[in-house]
Each structure stands twice: as structure tokens, then as C-alpha cells.
Amino acid sequence: MPPIIPTQPGPGRGNGGAKKRSRRKDPLWARLTLIFGAVLMMTSGLAIVGSKAVIGQATGNIAQRNLLGEAGKTDAEGGNSLDGPIDMLLLGVDARARWAADDVRSDTIIILHIPASHDQAYLISIPRDTEAQIPGHGTEKINAAFQFGARDGGGWEGGAQLMAKTIKKMTGISFDGAAIINFGGFKTVIDALGTVRICVSHEVPSHHMMMVDGKPMWNADAKKTGKPMSPVVHKKGCKEMEGWEALDYARQRYGLPKGDYDRQQNQQQLIKAMAKKATQNGTLTNPIKLNQLIKAAGKAFILDTGGVPIDDFIFTMKGVTGNDLTTLRTNGGTFNSNAGRESLNQLSMDMFQAVKDDKLAEFVVANPSVLSTRK
């Protein structure tokens, strides 16, 4: 028989403490799934040598903080039980060394919903310019919530907590966990995978990077070299992209027909591409590759599992694969702006209610326009 890991109930959170879960034993050869933002890593039911050590490394390398604050699920909503639907908040920050730690906005805001059946996953992107009531700060663009929370010593933990509180106020959704994805560290995750296959739907020049001596550089750094520069242009078509190229493309919104909505779809496409690559190149059955991927993930993520051990999340979501990841869009993927701020239409608000009620699959069937068209 394969070895087994007994899982323990995590500490309570929210109001009144969390509901205790019964002890559960899961086989180590179950599919290893780590679904925290951009890394969806799955095996195909194959044995993983040294899985207990692997999970221990993942727990040790990924920084864990309280990112949810008051937005975690209460006892009445299931507490830290993973028996029902699982909702995670994924926040992407594009922090760079020369930027102050408390002057960063979260321009990537994604809700990851896994129904109680634990056999499907949905990604819903919230536009960065969505008008929202940010507690203590009035009506602002929603991406400012992270910046407000990070000020005065709050740091990224405070930024995530205020963002989670803002989204809960707007949508009614409480969360089981959260992750902050540092796009700077993200490159190392893709590099550990090798490349990812990305399909560019609209040719777009990079507004962030230039080529100098055949190497990509940030615009500001490229100008300092005093050397000839050539533009980075992402041309239409499908290709294998290295980490820097895939991330640069996923950052673009200027020059795209639907601006931030196109960028949201490109970011969702990148997540799916990484998920598929992890299942195709033997990464999770190769101890060396797997160790490199885990170390890279440790540099890219800050995580909150609400007190639930990471291995509990892994085994609970073992039935989800890269092909089971469905990407959704608000406002039908088109602008609904007023004075530069996006307003979520009624269909989008109904979609969030379906997430809260764990009826998203039925909602998508009845409203196929919410499906992202990007492959």
C-alpha cells in the first residue's frame, strides 16, 4: 500500500471559530494539485516519489500570511471546512525593485471558484477600474484598495485584507484562501516549466520593455544603457514563449481593442497554459524539475489558506485538471465605463451571486456570454 498522510483540522477563523472537519486520509499517489493563482500543477494519477517531502517543501517555501482578515468564511459559511465549495482570491502585483513597497496597486484581481463537487475550477477576473466602495476610503477604482491597505505599515498583507474586504462588500463572496502573485517572481515559475504556449489574438507592441543587444530590458533600464533599442512586438499567432515574453504579453492593455478586458483574457490564458504545461512535460514526476518549480513558486507567491494545511488543499482539489479550468468574464468582455470607471452590469452581479450560491455551472449554461472566448 502507498503511504498516507493524516490531515488535521486547521485553527478557526472568522466569527465564532471554524467548524471542525473529520480526520481524513489521502493516498500520496493522488494527483498533486497546487492551485494558487498562476501555478496549477497537476499529475495524471502517477506516483510521485517522496511526495511527503515535496509537500513539506512547498509549505516551507511559500510565505503564508493573513491576507483575508474579515473576508474569510465564517462558521455559518463553512469556516475552514473544505467539504463544500472553495473560493480563493488571487491578486497580482507588478512590483519592481525601484518601487516603494506601500505604493503598489493590484491590477490583477481574480476569483477562483471550485464547486462542492471539486471537479471543476472557474476563474473570474474583476476589472482593475471597477468602481467600488472601499471601506474607509469612499468610492474609488477597486485596484486602489490594495494600495490604501498597504500604506502606513500595512504592507502587502494589509493591502490584500482591504481588497478582500472590498470585494466581499461588493459581491457578497467570502473566501477560503488568498494568494498574492508577484509577477516579477512569476518569470522564474515559467522558466522552471521551460516555455508556455500562448496564442496572441491581436498584434501589440510592448509598452514596458525594449530589446538591447538582443536582450529584453525594462524601458527605463534600456534607456540608461545608451545603446540602440528595438521594440518588443507581440505578433499575432501561437508560439512557445519564454517567461519574460509570456509575462510581458500578459501585462499589455494599451493597444488592445478591449484594453483591460483583453488583458484579463490574456492573463487567464497564461494560467491555463501553465497548468497544461505542468502536466505535459513530466515536471511533477521528475524530482529535479519539481524541486525547481517549488522553489520558483516560493519566490512568486504569498499565500493564505485560512489555517488549513496546504496539503489539505492539494488533496481536496486533486480531481481538478488543467482542462477543467473555465475562464469567465464580467460585462461580456466589453467596456461599461463612466468617467474612466467600470460599472459591473446586472449579469455580472448575478454571476457573483451564483458563485456565492455554488450554482455557477448552471449559471454559465444559462448565460454562455460570460464565457471567455480566448483559448
Protein backbone atom coordinates (compact mmCIF):
# COMPACT_ATOMS: atom_id res chain seq x y z
CA MET A 1 0.00 0.00 0.00
CA PRO A 2 1.18 3.56 -0.62
CA PRO A 3 1.95 5.64 2.47
CA ILE A 4 -0.74 8.01 3.75
CA ILE A 5 -0.82 11.38 5.46
CA PRO A 6 -3.37 12.01 8.23
CA THR A 7 -4.74 15.51 7.93
CA GLN A 8 -5.60 17.71 10.86
CA PRO A 9 -8.30 20.35 11.15
CA GLY A 10 -6.86 23.86 10.98
CA PRO A 11 -7.43 26.61 13.52
CA GLY A 12 -10.66 28.62 13.41
CA ARG A 13 -11.17 31.96 11.81
CA GLY A 14 -13.95 34.41 11.30
CA ASN A 15 -16.79 34.73 13.78
CA GLY A 16 -17.18 32.06 16.39
CA GLY A 17 -14.37 29.79 15.22
CA ALA A 18 -14.38 27.32 12.36
CA LYS A 19 -16.29 24.12 12.01
CA LYS A 20 -14.09 21.10 12.63
CA ARG A 21 -13.52 18.66 9.83
CA SER A 22 -13.33 14.94 10.32
CA ARG A 23 -9.90 13.35 10.03
CA ARG A 24 -9.20 12.17 6.54
CA LYS A 25 -6.51 10.01 4.96
CA ASP A 26 -5.49 10.57 1.38
CA PRO A 27 -3.19 8.45 -0.81
CA LEU A 28 0.08 10.13 -1.72
CA TRP A 29 -0.22 8.97 -5.29
CA ALA A 30 -3.33 11.12 -5.72
CA ARG A 31 -2.92 13.93 -8.26
CA LEU A 32 -0.79 16.67 -6.83
CA THR A 33 -2.67 19.91 -7.32
CA LEU A 34 -1.43 23.32 -6.23
CA ILE A 35 -3.97 25.88 -7.49
CA PHE A 36 -2.80 29.17 -6.18
CA GLY A 37 -3.16 31.74 -8.92
CA ALA A 38 -0.85 31.12 -11.68
CA VAL A 39 0.57 27.74 -10.82
CA LEU A 40 -1.87 24.92 -11.42
CA MET A 41 0.31 21.88 -11.19
CA MET A 42 -1.27 18.51 -11.78
CA THR A 43 -0.07 14.97 -12.29
CA SER A 44 -2.06 12.41 -14.19
CA GLY A 45 -2.55 9.99 -11.33
CA LEU A 46 1.08 8.85 -11.46
CA ALA A 47 3.09 8.01 -8.38
CA ILE A 48 5.26 10.81 -7.06
CA VAL A 49 8.35 9.61 -5.23
CA GLY A 50 8.91 11.43 -1.97
CA SER A 51 5.56 13.23 -2.04
CA LYS A 52 5.56 13.86 1.69
CA ALA A 53 8.86 15.68 1.41
CA VAL A 54 7.63 17.57 -1.65
CA ILE A 55 4.56 18.88 0.16
CA GLY A 56 6.73 19.87 3.12
CA GLN A 57 8.99 21.88 0.81
CA ALA A 58 6.01 23.61 -0.76
CA THR A 59 4.73 24.59 2.66
CA GLY A 60 8.14 25.88 3.71
CA ASN A 61 8.97 27.83 0.56
CA ILE A 62 5.70 29.69 0.07
CA ALA A 63 5.27 32.57 2.52
CA GLN A 64 2.00 32.31 4.43
CA ARG A 65 0.30 35.42 5.82
CA ASN A 66 -3.14 36.57 6.90
CA LEU A 67 -4.40 38.00 3.61
CA LEU A 68 -8.14 37.72 4.21
CA GLY A 69 -8.76 39.46 7.53
CA GLU A 70 -12.52 39.82 7.97
CA ALA A 71 -13.28 38.44 4.49
CA GLY A 72 -12.66 34.79 5.41
CA LYS A 73 -15.61 32.42 5.55
CA THR A 74 -17.43 32.45 8.87
CA ASP A 75 -18.67 29.42 10.76
CA ALA A 76 -22.09 29.83 9.16
CA GLU A 77 -20.45 29.77 5.73
CA GLY A 78 -18.47 26.61 6.44
CA GLY A 79 -15.48 28.01 8.32
CA ASN A 80 -12.29 26.30 7.25
CA SER A 81 -14.02 23.16 6.07
CA LEU A 82 -13.09 22.14 2.54
CA ASP A 83 -16.09 19.83 2.17
CA GLY A 84 -18.12 22.43 0.26
CA PRO A 85 -17.28 24.96 -2.46
CA ILE A 86 -13.87 26.63 -2.32
CA ASP A 87 -13.37 30.29 -3.18
CA MET A 88 -9.95 31.91 -3.40
CA LEU A 89 -8.92 35.48 -4.11
CA LEU A 90 -5.92 35.82 -6.41
CA LEU A 91 -4.18 39.20 -6.54
CA GLY A 92 -1.42 40.03 -8.99
CA VAL A 93 1.05 42.81 -8.22
CA ASP A 94 3.64 44.06 -10.65
CA ALA A 95 6.19 45.15 -8.04
CA ARG A 96 9.63 46.22 -9.18
CA ALA A 97 12.73 46.87 -7.10
CA ARG A 98 12.67 50.64 -7.60
CA TRP A 99 9.07 50.98 -6.38
CA ALA A 100 8.12 51.63 -2.75
CA ALA A 101 6.52 48.62 -1.05
CA ASP A 102 3.47 50.65 0.02
CA ASP A 103 2.92 52.24 -3.41
CA VAL A 104 1.77 49.19 -5.36
CA ARG A 105 -1.71 48.57 -6.73
CA SER A 106 -3.17 45.18 -7.54
CA ASP A 107 -4.13 45.41 -11.20
CA THR A 108 -4.91 41.69 -11.48
CA ILE A 109 -7.91 40.59 -9.43
CA ILE A 110 -9.24 37.07 -9.94
CA ILE A 111 -11.77 34.97 -8.06
CA LEU A 112 -11.07 31.23 -8.26
CA HIS A 113 -14.22 29.19 -7.62
CA ILE A 114 -14.25 25.43 -7.17
CA PRO A 115 -17.73 23.92 -6.69
CA ALA A 116 -18.52 21.46 -3.92
CA SER A 117 -18.04 18.62 -6.41
CA HIS A 118 -14.33 19.58 -6.56
CA ASP A 119 -14.10 18.54 -10.20
CA GLN A 120 -14.06 21.92 -11.92
CA ALA A 121 -12.43 25.32 -11.47
CA TYR A 122 -13.55 28.75 -12.66
CA LEU A 123 -11.55 31.97 -12.99
CA ILE A 124 -13.42 35.29 -12.91
CA SER A 125 -11.43 38.48 -13.46
CA ILE A 126 -12.60 41.77 -11.93
CA PRO A 127 -11.61 44.83 -13.99
CA ARG A 128 -8.97 46.98 -12.29
CA ASP A 129 -11.02 50.14 -12.93
CA THR A 130 -14.23 48.81 -11.40
CA GLU A 131 -15.89 51.45 -9.22
CA ALA A 132 -16.17 50.16 -5.67
CA GLN A 133 -16.86 51.28 -2.14
CA ILE A 134 -13.52 50.81 -0.38
CA PRO A 135 -14.10 50.71 3.39
CA GLY A 136 -12.67 53.87 4.94
CA HIS A 137 -11.80 55.44 1.60
CA GLY A 138 -15.08 56.10 -0.21
CA THR A 139 -15.75 55.34 -3.86
CA GLU A 140 -12.60 54.62 -5.87
CA LYS A 141 -11.27 52.32 -8.55
CA ILE A 142 -11.05 48.89 -6.97
CA ASN A 143 -7.34 48.42 -7.66
CA ALA A 144 -6.64 51.28 -5.21
CA ALA A 145 -7.85 49.12 -2.31
CA PHE A 146 -4.55 47.24 -2.22
CA GLN A 147 -2.56 50.46 -2.18
CA PHE A 148 -4.68 52.02 0.57
CA GLY A 149 -4.35 48.91 2.75
CA ALA A 150 -0.60 48.71 2.21
CA ARG A 151 0.05 52.24 3.47
CA ASP A 152 1.17 53.22 6.97
CA GLY A 153 2.85 49.91 7.68
CA GLY A 154 0.05 47.68 6.44
CA GLY A 155 2.29 46.14 3.79
CA TRP A 156 1.05 43.66 1.23
CA GLU A 157 -0.82 41.79 3.97
CA GLY A 158 -2.85 44.91 4.77
CA GLY A 159 -3.36 45.58 1.08
CA ALA A 160 -4.79 42.13 0.47
CA GLN A 161 -7.05 42.34 3.51
CA LEU A 162 -8.61 45.62 2.38
CA MET A 163 -9.02 44.29 -1.15
CA ALA A 164 -10.72 41.13 0.14
CA LYS A 165 -13.00 43.21 2.37
CA THR A 166 -13.88 45.48 -0.57
CA ILE A 167 -14.73 42.53 -2.84
CA LYS A 168 -16.82 40.86 -0.14
CA LYS A 169 -18.75 44.10 0.33
CA MET A 170 -19.31 44.38 -3.43
CA THR A 171 -20.12 40.74 -4.29
CA GLY A 172 -21.08 39.09 -1.01
CA ILE A 173 -18.42 36.40 -1.55
CA SER A 174 -16.33 35.24 1.41
CA PHE A 175 -13.08 33.38 0.85
CA ASP A 176 -11.38 30.16 1.91
CA GLY A 177 -7.97 31.43 0.92
CA ALA A 178 -6.00 34.04 -0.98
CA ALA A 179 -2.74 34.44 -2.83
CA ILE A 180 -0.65 37.42 -3.87
CA ILE A 181 1.20 36.74 -7.10
CA ASN A 182 4.32 38.81 -7.67
CA PHE A 183 4.66 38.97 -11.44
CA GLY A 184 8.37 39.62 -11.05
CA GLY A 185 8.78 36.21 -9.40
CA PHE A 186 6.35 34.67 -11.84
CA LYS A 187 9.01 34.60 -14.54
CA THR A 188 11.02 32.03 -12.60
CA VAL A 189 7.96 29.76 -12.40
CA ILE A 190 7.54 29.80 -16.18
CA ASP A 191 11.28 29.35 -16.67
CA ALA A 192 11.10 26.27 -14.43
CA LEU A 193 8.44 24.91 -16.80
CA GLY A 194 10.61 25.82 -19.80
CA THR A 195 8.15 27.69 -22.02
CA VAL A 196 4.39 28.07 -22.31
CA ARG A 197 2.29 28.05 -25.46
CA ILE A 198 0.49 31.39 -25.88
CA CYS A 199 -1.78 32.47 -28.73
CA VAL A 200 -1.62 36.19 -29.49
CA SER A 201 -5.00 37.34 -30.79
CA HIS A 202 -4.04 40.94 -31.64
CA GLU A 203 -0.57 42.21 -32.52
CA VAL A 204 0.54 44.63 -29.83
CA PRO A 205 3.83 46.44 -29.11
CA SER A 206 5.12 46.27 -25.57
CA HIS A 207 4.68 49.41 -23.52
CA HIS A 208 7.06 48.12 -20.86
CA MET A 209 10.10 46.53 -22.49
CA MET A 210 12.68 47.09 -25.24
CA MET A 211 15.39 44.89 -26.75
CA VAL A 212 19.03 45.91 -26.20
CA ASP A 213 21.78 43.74 -27.69
CA GLY A 214 19.17 41.05 -28.26
CA LYS A 215 18.08 41.02 -24.61
CA PRO A 216 14.77 42.26 -23.14
CA MET A 217 15.01 45.13 -20.66
CA TRP A 218 12.58 47.42 -18.87
CA ASN A 219 12.21 50.70 -20.78
CA ALA A 220 13.82 52.76 -18.01
CA ASP A 221 16.78 50.38 -17.74
CA ALA A 222 17.17 50.15 -21.52
CA LYS A 223 17.41 53.94 -21.85
CA LYS A 224 20.16 54.07 -19.24
CA THR A 225 22.41 51.85 -21.35
CA GLY A 226 22.67 54.48 -24.09
CA LYS A 227 22.67 51.67 -26.64
CA PRO A 228 20.39 51.23 -29.66
CA MET A 229 16.96 49.91 -28.71
CA SER A 230 14.40 47.99 -30.73
CA PRO A 231 10.75 47.50 -29.78
CA VAL A 232 9.30 44.28 -28.42
CA VAL A 233 6.29 43.41 -30.56
CA HIS A 234 3.95 40.53 -29.81
CA LYS A 235 2.77 39.34 -33.22
CA LYS A 236 -0.46 37.51 -33.91
CA GLY A 237 -0.27 33.72 -33.80
CA CYS A 238 0.53 30.87 -31.44
CA LYS A 239 4.06 30.20 -30.18
CA GLU A 240 6.09 28.88 -27.28
CA MET A 241 7.08 31.82 -25.08
CA GLU A 242 9.82 32.13 -22.51
CA GLY A 243 8.96 33.53 -19.11
CA TRP A 244 9.78 37.18 -19.82
CA GLU A 245 7.86 37.19 -23.11
CA ALA A 246 4.74 35.48 -21.75
CA LEU A 247 4.60 37.84 -18.78
CA ASP A 248 5.19 40.93 -20.89
CA TYR A 249 2.35 39.95 -23.20
CA ALA A 250 0.07 39.29 -20.22
CA ARG A 251 0.86 42.79 -18.91
CA GLN A 252 -0.27 44.64 -22.04
CA ARG A 253 -3.55 46.54 -22.22
CA TYR A 254 -2.71 49.65 -24.24
CA GLY A 255 -3.07 48.99 -27.95
CA LEU A 256 -5.53 46.13 -27.47
CA PRO A 257 -9.09 46.60 -28.80
CA LYS A 258 -10.75 45.99 -25.44
CA GLY A 259 -7.95 47.22 -23.23
CA ASP A 260 -8.04 45.71 -19.75
CA TYR A 261 -10.67 43.13 -20.77
CA ASP A 262 -8.27 41.74 -23.37
CA ARG A 263 -5.51 41.76 -20.77
CA GLN A 264 -7.71 39.80 -18.36
CA GLN A 265 -8.26 37.13 -21.00
CA ASN A 266 -4.53 37.02 -21.76
CA GLN A 267 -3.74 36.53 -18.08
CA GLN A 268 -6.32 33.78 -17.81
CA GLN A 269 -4.83 32.17 -20.92
CA LEU A 270 -1.41 32.26 -19.29
CA ILE A 271 -2.68 30.49 -16.17
CA LYS A 272 -4.26 27.76 -18.28
CA ALA A 273 -1.11 27.42 -20.38
CA MET A 274 1.00 26.93 -17.25
CA ALA A 275 -1.45 24.35 -15.93
CA LYS A 276 -1.30 22.36 -19.14
CA LYS A 277 2.49 22.59 -19.41
CA ALA A 278 2.91 21.20 -15.92
CA THR A 279 1.03 18.07 -16.96
CA GLN A 280 2.77 17.64 -20.29
CA ASN A 281 6.49 17.88 -19.65
CA GLY A 282 6.87 15.43 -16.77
CA THR A 283 7.67 18.18 -14.27
CA LEU A 284 5.70 16.60 -11.46
CA THR A 285 7.25 13.16 -11.86
CA ASN A 286 10.82 14.45 -12.17
CA PRO A 287 12.23 15.20 -8.68
CA ILE A 288 14.73 17.76 -10.01
CA LYS A 289 12.19 19.66 -12.14
CA LEU A 290 9.62 19.50 -9.36
CA ASN A 291 12.06 20.89 -6.82
CA GLN A 292 12.93 23.77 -9.18
CA LEU A 293 9.25 24.53 -9.69
CA ILE A 294 8.51 24.56 -5.97
CA LYS A 295 11.44 26.87 -5.26
CA ALA A 296 10.26 29.20 -8.02
CA ALA A 297 6.72 29.21 -6.63
CA GLY A 298 8.11 30.16 -3.24
CA LYS A 299 9.52 33.35 -4.77
CA ALA A 300 6.33 34.22 -6.62
CA PHE A 301 3.59 33.75 -4.05
CA ILE A 302 2.35 34.88 -0.66
CA LEU A 303 -0.41 32.57 0.47
CA ASP A 304 -3.28 32.36 2.95
CA THR A 305 -5.08 29.04 3.31
CA GLY A 306 -7.15 30.19 6.25
CA GLY A 307 -5.30 27.96 8.68
CA VAL A 308 -5.86 24.84 6.57
CA PRO A 309 -2.67 22.88 5.81
CA ILE A 310 -1.54 23.25 2.21
CA ASP A 311 -1.62 19.51 1.70
CA ASP A 312 -5.33 19.54 2.59
CA PHE A 313 -5.94 21.99 -0.24
CA ILE A 314 -3.84 19.86 -2.58
CA PHE A 315 -5.70 16.63 -1.97
CA THR A 316 -9.13 18.23 -1.80
CA MET A 317 -8.63 19.62 -5.31
CA LYS A 318 -6.97 16.53 -6.71
CA GLY A 319 -9.83 15.97 -9.15
CA VAL A 320 -9.27 19.26 -10.99
CA THR A 321 -7.04 19.24 -14.06
CA GLY A 322 -5.86 21.92 -16.45
CA ASN A 323 -8.64 21.02 -18.88
CA ASP A 324 -11.21 21.59 -16.12
CA LEU A 325 -10.30 25.27 -15.80
CA THR A 326 -13.03 27.54 -17.19
CA THR A 327 -12.36 31.24 -17.70
CA LEU A 328 -15.20 33.75 -17.31
CA ARG A 329 -15.54 37.47 -17.94
CA THR A 330 -17.57 40.32 -16.49
CA ASN A 331 -19.61 42.74 -18.62
CA GLY A 332 -19.38 40.37 -21.56
CA GLY A 333 -15.78 41.45 -22.01
CA THR A 334 -16.76 44.94 -23.18
CA PHE A 335 -16.45 48.40 -21.65
CA ASN A 336 -19.18 49.66 -19.36
CA SER A 337 -17.45 52.87 -18.36
CA ASN A 338 -18.42 56.17 -16.82
CA ALA A 339 -15.72 58.80 -16.39
CA GLY A 340 -12.99 56.18 -16.70
CA ARG A 341 -14.51 53.79 -14.17
CA GLU A 342 -16.10 50.46 -14.92
CA SER A 343 -19.54 49.53 -13.57
CA LEU A 344 -20.42 45.86 -13.35
CA ASN A 345 -23.69 45.12 -15.13
CA GLN A 346 -26.53 43.09 -13.62
CA LEU A 347 -25.47 39.89 -15.37
CA SER A 348 -22.03 40.17 -13.77
CA MET A 349 -23.54 40.72 -10.34
CA ASP A 350 -25.81 37.71 -10.90
CA MET A 351 -22.69 35.68 -11.75
CA PHE A 352 -21.13 36.59 -8.42
CA GLN A 353 -24.36 35.58 -6.68
CA ALA A 354 -24.13 32.22 -8.47
CA VAL A 355 -20.60 31.83 -7.07
CA LYS A 356 -21.88 32.55 -3.58
CA ASP A 357 -24.75 30.07 -4.02
CA ASP A 358 -22.46 27.46 -5.65
CA LYS A 359 -24.64 27.42 -8.76
CA LEU A 360 -22.08 28.76 -11.20
CA ALA A 361 -22.20 25.77 -13.58
CA GLU A 362 -25.94 26.21 -14.07
CA PHE A 363 -25.48 29.96 -14.49
CA VAL A 364 -22.85 29.52 -17.22
CA VAL A 365 -25.07 27.10 -19.15
CA ALA A 366 -27.93 29.61 -19.00
CA ASN A 367 -25.66 32.58 -19.81
CA PRO A 368 -22.91 31.43 -22.22
CA SER A 369 -21.94 35.05 -22.93
CA VAL A 370 -19.92 35.06 -19.69
CA LEU A 371 -17.51 32.52 -21.13
CA SER A 372 -14.16 33.84 -22.26
CA THR A 373 -13.58 33.18 -25.95
CA ARG A 374 -9.79 33.02 -25.59
CA LYS A 375 -8.28 29.52 -25.85
